Amino acid sequence: MSSHRLDDVLGMSIRFADGRGGGRVLDLRLTPSQRVSGPLAELVVEGVIAGRARPGTLFGYDRHQEQGPWLIRVIIRALHRHTGYVAWDDVDRIDWDAGILHLRVNQLAELS
């Protein structure tokens, strides 16, 4: 069994259940688990942020509707208008050799 790092998932192509492409993995959302390792809880993948590869980052604008100054918020959201979210439970399988994340759904959810 080979092991992979979270970094290996970043940049992978997204494939929807109906076979269409859905952009690339731009980021992963992590959440603390019930397991504690040392002084901190272990983190588990909660979901995937995917979309067209755009320069820059979301600067947290994917998490809060009212994040930051209005003009910057509008620009960031316009640049990333095709970016969405999929829960990790909706990942069907990962083709490590081809670099494809296969989903059980046919579209990304809106970022919230």
Protein backbone atom coordinates (compact mmCIF):
# COMPACT_ATOMS: atom_id res chain seq x y z
CA MET A 1 0.00 0.00 0.00
CA SER A 2 1.41 3.38 -0.98
CA SER A 3 0.86 6.47 1.09
CA HIS A 4 -0.03 9.89 -0.22
CA ARG A 5 0.08 13.39 1.19
CA LEU A 6 -2.66 16.01 1.02
CA ASP A 7 -0.39 17.97 -1.27
CA ASP A 8 -0.70 15.12 -3.80
CA VAL A 9 -4.43 15.90 -4.18
CA LEU A 10 -3.93 19.61 -4.90
CA GLY A 11 -4.04 20.29 -8.61
CA MET A 12 -5.75 17.00 -9.47
CA SER A 13 -8.42 17.07 -12.16
CA ILE A 14 -12.05 16.75 -11.09
CA ARG A 15 -14.37 14.30 -12.89
CA PHE A 16 -18.10 14.46 -12.19
CA ALA A 17 -20.24 11.30 -11.96
CA ASP A 18 -21.57 11.90 -15.49
CA GLY A 19 -18.02 11.96 -16.89
CA ARG A 20 -17.66 15.72 -17.39
CA GLY A 21 -14.56 17.51 -16.21
CA GLY A 22 -14.97 19.91 -13.31
CA GLY A 23 -11.75 21.87 -13.11
CA ARG A 24 -8.99 21.18 -10.61
CA VAL A 25 -8.60 20.76 -6.86
CA LEU A 26 -7.62 24.22 -5.60
CA ASP A 27 -7.73 23.60 -1.86
CA LEU A 28 -8.89 21.19 0.84
CA ARG A 29 -11.01 22.02 3.87
CA LEU A 30 -9.88 20.30 7.04
CA THR A 31 -11.69 19.85 10.32
CA PRO A 32 -10.53 18.55 13.72
CA SER A 33 -11.39 14.91 14.39
CA GLN A 34 -12.18 13.21 17.69
CA ARG A 35 -8.71 11.60 17.70
CA VAL A 36 -6.02 13.44 19.59
CA SER A 37 -2.37 13.04 18.71
CA GLY A 38 -0.13 14.80 21.21
CA PRO A 39 -1.57 18.12 22.32
CA LEU A 40 -3.74 18.65 19.21
CA ALA A 41 -6.67 16.94 17.54
CA GLU A 42 -5.90 15.20 14.26
CA LEU A 43 -7.27 16.88 11.17
CA VAL A 44 -9.42 15.10 8.60
CA VAL A 45 -10.45 16.24 5.13
CA GLU A 46 -13.97 17.69 5.19
CA GLY A 47 -14.19 18.66 1.55
CA VAL A 48 -12.61 19.93 -1.62
CA ILE A 49 -12.62 23.38 -3.17
CA ALA A 50 -12.41 23.01 -6.93
CA GLY A 51 -12.62 25.17 -10.01
CA ARG A 52 -10.67 26.61 -12.86
CA ALA A 53 -7.07 27.30 -12.03
CA ARG A 54 -6.85 31.04 -11.40
CA PRO A 55 -3.90 33.05 -10.19
CA GLY A 56 -3.92 34.09 -6.56
CA THR A 57 -5.83 32.74 -3.65
CA LEU A 58 -9.30 33.12 -2.21
CA PHE A 59 -7.95 34.92 0.89
CA GLY A 60 -10.71 33.37 2.99
CA TYR A 61 -13.45 34.76 0.71
CA ASP A 62 -14.67 31.21 0.20
CA ARG A 63 -15.74 30.98 3.85
CA HIS A 64 -17.63 34.19 4.63
CA GLN A 65 -20.13 36.08 2.47
CA GLU A 66 -19.23 39.42 4.07
CA GLN A 67 -15.45 38.93 4.17
CA GLY A 68 -13.33 42.08 3.74
CA PRO A 69 -13.95 45.32 1.85
CA TRP A 70 -16.78 45.26 -0.70
CA LEU A 71 -14.66 46.01 -3.78
CA ILE A 72 -12.04 43.36 -3.03
CA ARG A 73 -14.79 40.83 -2.24
CA VAL A 74 -16.45 41.52 -5.61
CA ILE A 75 -13.16 41.17 -7.52
CA ILE A 76 -12.12 37.94 -5.77
CA ARG A 77 -15.54 36.38 -6.26
CA ALA A 78 -15.61 37.39 -9.95
CA LEU A 79 -12.19 35.81 -10.53
CA HIS A 80 -13.33 32.62 -8.82
CA ARG A 81 -16.97 32.51 -10.00
CA HIS A 82 -16.57 28.95 -11.27
CA THR A 83 -15.12 27.74 -7.98
CA GLY A 84 -17.22 25.46 -5.80
CA TYR A 85 -17.18 22.95 -2.98
CA VAL A 86 -17.73 19.21 -2.74
CA ALA A 87 -17.90 17.27 0.52
CA TRP A 88 -15.29 14.54 0.94
CA ASP A 89 -18.15 12.01 1.28
CA ASP A 90 -19.00 12.78 -2.36
CA VAL A 91 -15.56 11.68 -3.57
CA ASP A 92 -16.03 8.29 -5.21
CA ARG A 93 -12.37 7.41 -5.77
CA ILE A 94 -8.96 8.83 -6.53
CA ASP A 95 -6.99 7.72 -9.56
CA TRP A 96 -3.50 8.50 -8.29
CA ASP A 97 -1.75 7.50 -11.51
CA ALA A 98 -3.93 9.67 -13.76
CA GLY A 99 -4.30 12.45 -11.16
CA ILE A 100 -8.11 12.43 -11.23
CA LEU A 101 -10.56 12.85 -8.35
CA HIS A 102 -13.79 11.05 -9.34
CA LEU A 103 -16.97 12.40 -7.73
CA ARG A 104 -20.39 10.88 -6.99
CA VAL A 105 -22.11 14.19 -7.86
CA ASN A 106 -22.61 16.12 -11.11
CA GLN A 107 -21.91 19.65 -9.87
CA LEU A 108 -20.07 21.62 -7.23
CA ALA A 109 -21.96 23.30 -4.41
CA GLU A 110 -21.64 27.05 -3.90
CA LEU A 111 -18.90 28.16 -1.55
CA SER A 112 -20.19 29.19 1.83
